[in-house]
Protein backbone atom coordinates (compact mmCIF):
# COMPACT_ATOMS: atom_id res chain seq x y z
CA UNK A 1 99.03 -55.97 -209.65
CA UNK A 2 100.64 -58.26 -207.44
CA UNK A 3 100.97 -58.85 -203.48
CA UNK A 4 104.31 -58.19 -203.33
CA UNK A 5 103.86 -54.44 -205.83
CA UNK A 6 101.60 -53.68 -203.84
CA UNK A 7 104.13 -54.31 -200.98
CA UNK A 8 106.33 -52.11 -202.48
CA UNK A 9 104.15 -49.29 -203.78
CA UNK A 10 103.41 -48.67 -199.99
CA UNK A 11 106.71 -49.29 -197.81
CA UNK A 12 107.62 -46.53 -201.05
CA UNK A 13 105.04 -44.33 -200.33
CA UNK A 14 105.39 -44.41 -196.10
CA UNK A 15 109.33 -43.59 -196.86
CA UNK A 16 108.66 -40.87 -198.29
CA UNK A 17 106.38 -39.35 -196.48
CA UNK A 18 108.54 -39.88 -193.73
CA UNK A 19 111.78 -38.05 -195.49
CA UNK A 20 108.69 -35.33 -195.99
CA UNK A 21 108.16 -34.30 -192.23
CA UNK A 22 111.82 -34.82 -191.41
CA UNK A 23 112.11 -32.12 -194.24
CA UNK A 24 109.77 -29.87 -193.01
CA UNK A 25 109.47 -30.11 -189.54
CA UNK A 26 112.46 -30.53 -186.63
CA UNK A 27 110.39 -32.00 -184.64
CA UNK A 28 109.20 -35.19 -187.05
CA UNK A 29 112.99 -35.21 -187.19
CA UNK A 30 113.44 -35.52 -184.39
CA UNK A 31 111.29 -38.44 -183.65
CA UNK A 32 112.43 -40.24 -186.72
CA UNK A 33 116.10 -39.83 -184.64
CA UNK A 34 114.61 -41.29 -181.48
CA UNK A 35 112.58 -44.44 -183.21
CA UNK A 36 116.49 -45.58 -184.15
CA UNK A 37 117.01 -44.01 -187.45
CA UNK A 38 121.03 -43.37 -188.53
CA UNK A 39 121.19 -39.51 -188.78
CA UNK A 40 122.64 -40.55 -191.93
CA UNK A 41 119.11 -41.61 -193.32
CA UNK A 42 118.08 -38.40 -192.35
CA UNK A 43 117.74 -35.40 -194.48
CA UNK A 44 119.89 -32.26 -193.21
CA UNK A 45 117.90 -29.43 -190.92
CA UNK A 46 117.31 -26.41 -193.09
CA UNK A 47 120.73 -23.90 -193.36
CA UNK A 48 118.49 -20.66 -191.21
CA UNK A 49 117.69 -23.24 -188.58
CA UNK A 50 121.61 -24.40 -188.44
CA UNK A 51 122.04 -20.04 -188.36
CA UNK A 52 119.80 -19.56 -185.35
CA UNK A 53 120.81 -22.83 -183.35
CA UNK A 54 124.15 -21.39 -183.34
CA UNK A 55 123.55 -18.23 -182.19
CA UNK A 56 122.91 -17.38 -179.02
CA UNK A 57 120.00 -19.71 -176.90
CA UNK A 58 119.40 -15.69 -175.56
CA UNK A 59 117.27 -14.25 -178.25
CA UNK A 60 113.30 -14.14 -177.79
CA UNK A 61 111.44 -17.01 -179.84
CA UNK A 62 108.29 -15.79 -181.39
CA UNK A 63 109.63 -12.41 -183.25
CA UNK A 64 109.60 -10.26 -179.37
CA UNK A 65 111.80 -7.41 -179.70
CA UNK A 66 114.40 -6.22 -177.07
CA UNK A 67 112.84 -3.77 -173.78
CA UNK A 68 109.67 -5.33 -173.87
CA UNK A 69 108.29 -2.54 -176.44
CA UNK A 70 107.28 -5.72 -179.71
CA UNK A 71 105.62 -7.29 -176.60
CA UNK A 72 103.37 -4.51 -175.57
CA UNK A 73 101.81 -3.68 -179.20
CA UNK A 74 101.12 -7.27 -179.42
CA UNK A 75 99.30 -6.96 -176.39
CA UNK A 76 97.24 -3.96 -176.79
CA UNK A 77 95.78 -5.94 -180.59
CA UNK A 78 96.11 -2.63 -182.47
CA UNK A 79 93.35 -1.07 -179.92
CA UNK A 80 91.12 -3.88 -180.23
CA UNK A 81 88.78 -4.02 -177.52
CA UNK A 82 89.54 -6.42 -175.15
CA UNK A 83 86.89 -9.49 -173.50
CA UNK A 84 85.93 -7.09 -170.36
CA UNK A 85 84.52 -4.28 -173.05
CA UNK A 86 81.68 -2.52 -173.50
CA UNK A 87 79.41 -4.94 -176.55
CA UNK A 88 78.60 -3.25 -179.53
CA UNK A 89 74.98 -3.65 -180.78
CA UNK A 90 72.50 -0.83 -182.59
CA UNK A 91 69.46 0.20 -180.56
CA UNK A 92 66.29 1.57 -181.97
CA UNK A 93 64.26 3.20 -180.14
CA UNK A 94 60.56 1.64 -179.28
CA UNK A 95 57.69 3.24 -181.02
CA UNK A 96 53.74 3.15 -181.33
CA UNK A 97 51.11 2.13 -183.78
CA UNK A 98 47.20 0.70 -184.48
CA UNK A 99 46.21 -2.33 -184.29
CA UNK A 100 42.64 -3.26 -184.58
CA UNK A 101 42.04 -0.68 -186.32
CA UNK A 102 40.41 -2.83 -189.54
CA UNK A 103 38.93 -5.56 -190.33
CA UNK A 104 38.75 -6.56 -194.00
CA UNK A 105 36.94 -9.11 -195.69
CA UNK A 106 35.15 -10.52 -199.43
CA UNK A 107 31.85 -10.24 -200.05
CA UNK A 108 29.67 -10.59 -203.02
CA UNK A 109 27.43 -7.70 -204.73
CA UNK A 110 23.78 -8.02 -205.30
CA UNK A 111 21.24 -5.40 -206.88
CA UNK A 112 19.54 -3.55 -204.26
CA UNK A 113 16.24 -5.01 -206.21
CA UNK A 114 15.99 -8.00 -208.66
CA UNK A 115 13.13 -10.05 -209.69
CA UNK A 116 11.87 -12.16 -212.50
CA UNK A 117 9.05 -11.54 -214.23
CA UNK A 118 6.35 -14.78 -215.26
CA UNK A 119 3.17 -14.41 -216.82
CA UNK A 120 0.04 -14.81 -214.40
CA UNK A 121 -2.10 -16.38 -217.42
CA UNK A 122 -1.91 -18.65 -219.78
CA UNK A 123 -1.67 -18.20 -223.27
CA UNK A 124 -0.06 -17.35 -226.68
CA UNK A 125 2.92 -15.07 -226.74
CA UNK A 126 1.47 -11.80 -228.89
CA UNK A 127 4.23 -9.79 -228.88
CA UNK A 128 7.81 -9.21 -226.71
CA UNK A 129 8.41 -5.38 -226.60
CA UNK A 130 11.98 -5.80 -224.90
CA UNK A 131 15.57 -6.11 -226.30
CA UNK A 132 17.84 -7.63 -223.49
CA UNK A 133 20.44 -5.66 -221.86
CA UNK A 134 18.07 -2.32 -221.78
CA UNK A 135 16.79 -0.37 -219.06
CA UNK A 136 12.60 -0.87 -218.40
CA UNK A 137 10.50 1.46 -217.15
CA UNK A 138 8.14 0.61 -213.82
CA UNK A 139 4.60 -0.59 -215.30
CA UNK A 140 6.42 -1.10 -219.05
CA UNK A 141 4.71 -3.99 -221.54
CA UNK A 142 7.04 -5.89 -221.71
CA UNK A 143 5.76 -9.52 -223.39
CA UNK A 144 1.80 -9.89 -224.53
CA UNK A 145 -0.12 -12.79 -224.44
CA UNK A 146 -3.34 -12.92 -227.32
CA UNK A 147 -6.31 -12.06 -225.45
CA UNK A 148 -9.46 -12.54 -227.79
CA UNK A 149 -11.15 -13.86 -225.47
CA UNK A 150 -10.39 -12.29 -222.67
CA UNK A 151 -11.87 -8.81 -224.38
CA UNK A 152 -14.77 -10.31 -225.42
CA UNK A 153 -15.83 -10.72 -221.91
CA UNK A 154 -14.90 -7.42 -221.27
CA UNK A 155 -17.00 -5.89 -224.04
CA UNK A 156 -20.21 -8.94 -222.24
CA UNK A 157 -20.15 -7.34 -219.08
CA UNK A 158 -20.15 -4.00 -220.29
CA UNK A 159 -22.70 -4.93 -222.07
CA UNK A 160 -25.08 -6.01 -218.91
CA UNK A 161 -23.06 -3.37 -216.43
CA UNK A 162 -25.03 -1.11 -218.61
CA UNK A 163 -28.56 -3.06 -218.55
CA UNK A 164 -28.21 -3.23 -215.00
CA UNK A 165 -27.85 0.53 -214.47
CA UNK A 166 -30.94 1.25 -217.08
CA UNK A 167 -32.80 -0.73 -214.94
CA UNK A 168 -32.06 0.77 -211.41
CA UNK A 169 -33.03 4.34 -213.51
CA UNK A 170 -35.84 2.90 -214.02
CA UNK A 171 -37.24 0.92 -210.95
CA UNK A 172 -35.88 4.31 -209.20
CA UNK A 173 -38.65 6.11 -211.00
CA UNK A 174 -41.64 3.91 -210.54
CA UNK A 175 -40.12 3.24 -206.22
CA UNK A 176 -40.86 6.51 -206.56
CA UNK A 177 -44.43 6.50 -207.51
CA UNK A 178 -44.96 3.78 -205.39
CA UNK A 179 -45.53 1.60 -208.76
CA UNK A 180 -42.93 -1.05 -207.54
CA UNK A 181 -42.57 -1.97 -203.65
CA UNK A 182 -39.39 -1.34 -202.71
CA UNK A 183 -37.97 -4.94 -203.25
CA UNK A 184 -37.76 -4.94 -206.72
CA UNK A 185 -36.05 -1.67 -206.50
CA UNK A 186 -33.25 -2.81 -204.36
CA UNK A 187 -32.83 -6.40 -206.27
CA UNK A 188 -32.25 -4.37 -209.25
CA UNK A 189 -29.60 -2.32 -207.39
CA UNK A 190 -28.09 -5.89 -206.87
CA UNK A 191 -27.31 -7.01 -210.12
CA UNK A 192 -26.10 -3.72 -210.66
CA UNK A 193 -23.73 -4.30 -208.34
CA UNK A 194 -22.65 -7.31 -209.57
CA UNK A 195 -22.35 -6.40 -213.09
CA UNK A 196 -19.53 -3.75 -211.76
CA UNK A 197 -17.72 -6.67 -210.31
CA UNK A 198 -18.28 -8.73 -213.64
CA UNK A 199 -16.23 -6.05 -215.20
CA UNK A 200 -13.58 -5.58 -213.08
CA UNK A 201 -13.23 -9.24 -213.81
CA UNK A 202 -13.20 -8.70 -217.23
CA UNK A 203 -10.74 -6.42 -216.79
CA UNK A 204 -8.26 -7.87 -214.58
CA UNK A 205 -8.22 -10.68 -217.23
CA UNK A 206 -7.91 -8.89 -219.69
CA UNK A 207 -4.47 -6.72 -218.09
CA UNK A 208 -3.02 -10.13 -217.09
CA UNK A 209 -2.69 -10.69 -220.95
CA UNK A 210 0.30 -8.41 -220.75
CA UNK A 211 3.36 -8.97 -218.78
CA UNK A 212 4.77 -5.50 -217.31
CA UNK A 213 7.78 -4.88 -215.13
CA UNK A 214 7.67 -3.75 -211.02
CA UNK A 215 10.15 -1.45 -211.39
CA UNK A 216 12.37 0.36 -212.57
CA UNK A 217 15.90 -1.53 -214.11
CA UNK A 218 17.49 -3.36 -216.38
CA UNK A 219 16.43 -6.06 -217.99
CA UNK A 220 18.62 -9.60 -218.69
CA UNK A 221 18.62 -12.39 -221.38
CA UNK A 222 15.54 -14.39 -221.94
CA UNK A 223 14.54 -17.65 -224.25
CA UNK A 224 10.27 -16.35 -225.03
CA UNK A 225 10.08 -15.66 -228.75
CA UNK A 226 6.33 -14.36 -230.57
CA UNK A 227 4.37 -17.91 -230.89
CA UNK A 228 5.45 -19.36 -227.68
CA UNK A 229 3.57 -20.76 -225.28
CA UNK A 230 3.46 -19.78 -221.88
CA UNK A 231 2.29 -20.32 -218.50
CA UNK A 232 2.81 -19.14 -214.95
CA UNK A 233 5.83 -21.15 -214.65
CA UNK A 234 7.41 -19.85 -217.50
CA UNK A 235 10.33 -17.41 -216.97
CA UNK A 236 10.37 -14.17 -219.11
CA UNK A 237 13.12 -12.41 -217.98
CA UNK A 238 15.01 -10.89 -214.46
CA UNK A 239 14.87 -6.88 -213.87
CA UNK A 240 17.82 -5.89 -211.74
CA UNK A 241 17.85 -2.50 -209.85
CA UNK A 242 21.58 -1.70 -209.80
CA UNK A 243 21.25 1.61 -209.10
CA UNK A 244 23.17 0.97 -205.60
CA UNK A 245 24.07 -3.08 -204.85
CA UNK A 246 24.81 -4.42 -201.54
CA UNK A 247 27.06 -6.25 -200.94
CA UNK A 248 27.21 -9.24 -197.67
CA UNK A 249 30.68 -10.28 -195.86
CA UNK A 250 31.44 -11.81 -192.74
CA UNK A 251 33.41 -10.39 -189.63
CA UNK A 252 35.16 -12.28 -187.29
CA UNK A 253 33.31 -11.84 -183.57
CA UNK A 254 36.07 -10.31 -182.36
CA UNK A 255 35.12 -6.83 -184.07
CA UNK A 256 31.40 -7.30 -183.84
CA UNK A 257 30.36 -5.62 -181.15
CA UNK A 258 32.02 -2.37 -183.17
CA UNK A 259 30.05 -2.74 -186.09
CA UNK A 260 27.49 -0.03 -186.50
CA UNK A 261 24.47 0.71 -188.73
CA UNK A 262 25.60 4.18 -191.17
CA UNK A 263 29.29 3.75 -190.74
CA UNK A 264 31.74 4.09 -193.50
CA UNK A 265 32.92 1.09 -195.68
CA UNK A 266 35.49 1.27 -198.87
CA UNK A 267 35.55 -1.35 -201.25
CA UNK A 268 37.64 -2.64 -203.93
CA UNK A 269 37.00 -5.05 -206.64
CA UNK A 270 39.23 -6.79 -209.48
CA UNK A 271 37.04 -5.93 -212.37
CA UNK A 272 37.93 -2.57 -211.50
CA UNK A 273 42.20 -2.65 -210.21
CA UNK A 274 42.77 0.73 -209.04
CA UNK A 275 39.56 2.12 -208.17
CA UNK A 276 37.95 2.20 -204.82
CA UNK A 277 34.97 2.54 -203.86
CA UNK A 278 32.88 3.83 -200.61
CA UNK A 279 30.06 3.41 -199.22
CA UNK A 280 27.82 2.21 -195.89
CA UNK A 281 26.82 0.07 -193.69
CA UNK A 282 23.32 -0.63 -194.20
CA UNK A 283 22.66 -4.16 -192.11
CA UNK A 284 23.69 -6.29 -189.38
CA UNK A 285 22.76 -9.70 -188.53
CA UNK A 286 21.46 -10.23 -185.20
CA UNK A 287 23.46 -13.25 -184.06
CA UNK A 288 26.96 -14.93 -184.17
CA UNK A 289 26.91 -17.79 -186.50
CA UNK A 290 27.71 -20.27 -184.96
CA UNK A 291 29.48 -22.51 -187.48
CA UNK A 292 31.99 -19.34 -189.05
CA UNK A 293 31.78 -17.37 -185.28
CA UNK A 294 31.22 -14.17 -187.45
CA UNK A 295 28.70 -12.13 -187.93
CA UNK A 296 26.81 -11.22 -190.89
CA UNK A 297 27.18 -7.41 -192.31
CA UNK A 298 25.46 -5.95 -195.26
CA UNK A 299 26.98 -2.68 -197.05
CA UNK A 300 25.11 -0.92 -199.70
CA UNK A 301 27.88 0.78 -202.63
CA UNK A 302 26.36 3.62 -204.74
CA UNK A 303 26.56 2.29 -208.63
CA UNK A 304 24.67 5.82 -209.86
CA UNK A 305 27.54 5.66 -212.80
CA UNK A 306 26.34 2.31 -213.69
CA UNK A 307 30.11 1.15 -213.40
CA UNK A 308 29.44 -2.47 -211.43
CA UNK A 309 28.20 -5.46 -212.09
CA UNK A 310 25.65 -7.91 -209.94
CA UNK A 311 27.73 -10.86 -208.72
CA UNK A 312 30.97 -8.94 -208.50
CA UNK A 313 33.23 -9.72 -205.84
CA UNK A 314 34.86 -7.25 -203.55
CA UNK A 315 37.06 -6.81 -201.56
CA UNK A 316 35.35 -4.99 -198.01
CA UNK A 317 37.19 -3.19 -195.46
CA UNK A 318 35.64 -1.67 -191.41
CA UNK A 319 37.56 0.60 -190.42
CA UNK A 320 37.97 1.48 -186.34
CA UNK A 321 39.42 3.34 -184.26
CA UNK A 322 42.37 0.40 -183.09
CA UNK A 323 44.18 0.51 -179.99
CA UNK A 324 47.38 1.96 -178.99
CA UNK A 325 50.37 -1.00 -179.19
CA UNK A 326 54.06 -0.15 -178.74
CA UNK A 327 55.87 -1.49 -181.52
CA UNK A 328 60.14 -2.99 -181.85
CA UNK A 329 61.74 -4.32 -185.06
CA UNK A 330 61.31 -7.49 -185.85
CA UNK A 331 65.01 -8.33 -185.22
CA UNK A 332 64.62 -7.20 -181.26
CA UNK A 333 62.37 -9.72 -179.99
CA UNK A 334 64.20 -12.84 -178.83
CA UNK A 335 62.70 -16.52 -177.45
CA UNK A 336 63.58 -18.56 -174.63
CA UNK A 337 62.02 -20.76 -172.77
CA UNK A 338 60.34 -18.45 -171.19
CA UNK A 339 59.09 -16.64 -173.43
CA UNK A 340 59.18 -13.04 -176.23
CA UNK A 341 61.45 -10.28 -174.48
CA UNK A 342 63.80 -7.94 -175.93
CA UNK A 343 66.82 -6.24 -174.54
CA UNK A 344 66.00 -2.57 -173.48
CA UNK A 345 68.89 -0.29 -173.18
CA UNK A 346 68.75 2.15 -169.17
CA UNK A 347 71.88 3.94 -168.62
CA UNK A 348 74.34 1.98 -171.22
CA UNK A 349 73.42 -0.96 -169.30
CA UNK A 350 70.70 -3.45 -171.20
CA UNK A 351 67.83 -5.47 -168.96
CA UNK A 352 65.73 -8.69 -170.07
CA UNK A 353 62.38 -7.75 -170.63
CA UNK A 354 59.47 -9.74 -170.91
CA UNK A 355 57.19 -8.94 -173.79
CA UNK A 356 54.37 -10.23 -175.80
CA UNK A 357 53.06 -10.07 -178.66
CA UNK A 358 50.67 -8.74 -180.39
CA UNK A 359 51.13 -8.41 -184.23
CA UNK A 360 53.62 -8.68 -185.90
CA UNK A 361 54.62 -7.91 -189.76
CA UNK A 362 57.86 -8.00 -192.31
CA UNK A 363 59.63 -5.14 -190.29
CA UNK A 364 57.84 -4.62 -187.03
CA UNK A 365 56.46 -5.89 -184.36
CA UNK A 366 53.87 -4.91 -181.81
CA UNK A 367 54.14 -5.62 -178.29
CA UNK A 368 52.79 -5.26 -174.71
CA UNK A 369 54.48 -5.35 -171.45
CA UNK A 370 57.16 -3.13 -168.90
CA UNK A 371 57.84 -1.01 -172.28
CA UNK A 372 57.03 2.65 -173.40
CA UNK A 373 56.92 4.36 -176.46
CA UNK A 374 60.58 6.06 -176.67
CA UNK A 375 62.34 3.44 -174.76
CA UNK A 376 65.18 2.08 -176.24
CA UNK A 377 65.95 -1.47 -177.02
CA UNK A 378 68.55 -3.13 -179.19
CA UNK A 379 68.00 -4.72 -182.69
CA UNK A 380 71.32 -6.79 -183.42
CA UNK A 381 73.97 -7.66 -181.73
CA UNK A 382 71.87 -9.62 -179.13
CA UNK A 383 73.38 -13.30 -179.36
CA UNK A 384 76.67 -11.73 -177.04
CA UNK A 385 74.47 -10.15 -174.36
CA UNK A 386 73.59 -10.72 -170.85
CA UNK A 387 71.64 -9.35 -167.77
CA UNK A 388 73.31 -6.15 -166.85
CA UNK A 389 76.01 -5.10 -169.53
CA UNK A 390 77.57 -2.33 -170.72
CA UNK A 391 76.96 -1.79 -174.39
CA UNK A 392 78.52 0.59 -177.05
CA UNK A 393 75.71 1.76 -179.30
CA UNK A 394 77.91 1.33 -183.17
CA UNK A 395 75.69 4.00 -184.79
CA UNK A 396 76.18 6.27 -182.23
CA UNK A 397 80.36 6.85 -183.37
CA UNK A 398 81.14 9.84 -184.45
CA UNK A 399 82.76 10.88 -188.27
CA UNK A 400 86.76 12.80 -187.64
CA UNK A 401 86.63 15.67 -188.65
CA UNK A 402 89.40 16.65 -191.75
CA UNK A 403 91.90 19.38 -190.11
CA UNK A 404 90.41 22.85 -191.76
CA UNK A 405 94.65 23.46 -192.69
CA UNK A 406 95.06 20.42 -194.02
CA UNK A 407 97.62 18.80 -191.94
CA UNK A 408 98.24 15.38 -191.32
CA UNK A 409 96.34 13.61 -187.96
CA UNK A 410 97.65 12.42 -185.43
CA UNK A 411 97.70 8.44 -185.38
CA UNK A 412 95.75 7.35 -182.71
CA UNK A 413 97.29 4.60 -179.72
CA UNK A 414 97.23 1.04 -181.01
CA UNK A 415 95.61 2.02 -184.50
CA UNK A 416 99.11 0.62 -186.08
CA UNK A 417 100.44 3.41 -187.42
CA UNK A 418 104.41 4.61 -187.26
CA UNK A 419 104.75 8.89 -186.89
CA UNK A 420 108.05 10.08 -188.34
CA UNK A 421 110.54 9.34 -185.90
CA UNK A 422 114.42 11.83 -185.07
CA UNK A 423 117.74 10.55 -186.83
CA UNK A 424 120.05 10.26 -184.03
CA UNK A 425 123.37 11.61 -183.95
């Protein structure tokens, strides 16, 4: 677009804006006239403004009525509370709650007794006498190794033992007749003792060809098969006595003095949602761990129903007597440069009361300070309060009671209603 066209557009827009200003704003018309704009170029004033200008100048502006009645009603504000009136607030009574009454920690379950079974000698597996996952009893044979050599040694030891016993009996008779010396008799008795020890040794070697369960429990998986060559380092299987589970967990040092043996605990596990298991504290660590500042605690859970398994995670909870504290709604606590505080109500006025927050949740705050159970505190409307300000509790407003006769209630002063007026004669 050419420059002269742009200038022309700007001038047209400026004239249109000035004309609109003079049309809708009487002050703008006067300003344009004062700047030298001829009257014929200005728009005519609105008809109602011209009519009002022709009437008497004594009419009040702003819609005021004669006699000052309208002004009085406007000043009254339709019953609004003035700047110096009581501040509308919502209050609540301080309550009491218990804190430091419980501690929760995560722990892992272990079987009451658990063992990994190994053979005590080297040999080939002749028989596997269990199935993984079944219950075995104490002393039950789990695996039997080949025992031919040990059986032969046992028979040889028994033969030697028989010869030694017979020799001792013969020497005892001869010694009674003084046919042999006491030295020869004592040597025969020594041979008998050695033969008895040889039998015990052969029996022990034969017994070790059988791998037995040390206690009753549930046996786990095994990789051992018949024909495998095993040694003292070959793992046969694991056995767990899970009739009782041990759960080890750690609690903060602040609760160390409160934990005690035989204290009741409750435990939950994600493996059994919705179920709670009870147990007792069975062991407590002797010292606080320096790296974590926690105390090790062990609890036992009854598992006679066999619903739980070693290795499960548990959320364990210990309960204590706790400490009583004053509780207030969370919205009532405020902060400034001096710290946290609440507005306490006494005789219709508020006073700033400093408090220290002990514990906080979504709805309530436990505090310490010059506040007691039953004291009234401001919950809502705290932004407009000052020290010693008078308040009006919004919750204390009463609801009007309807007239049983059905009569129309008389409107309150300043509520904007108009009562019927008598006609003038």
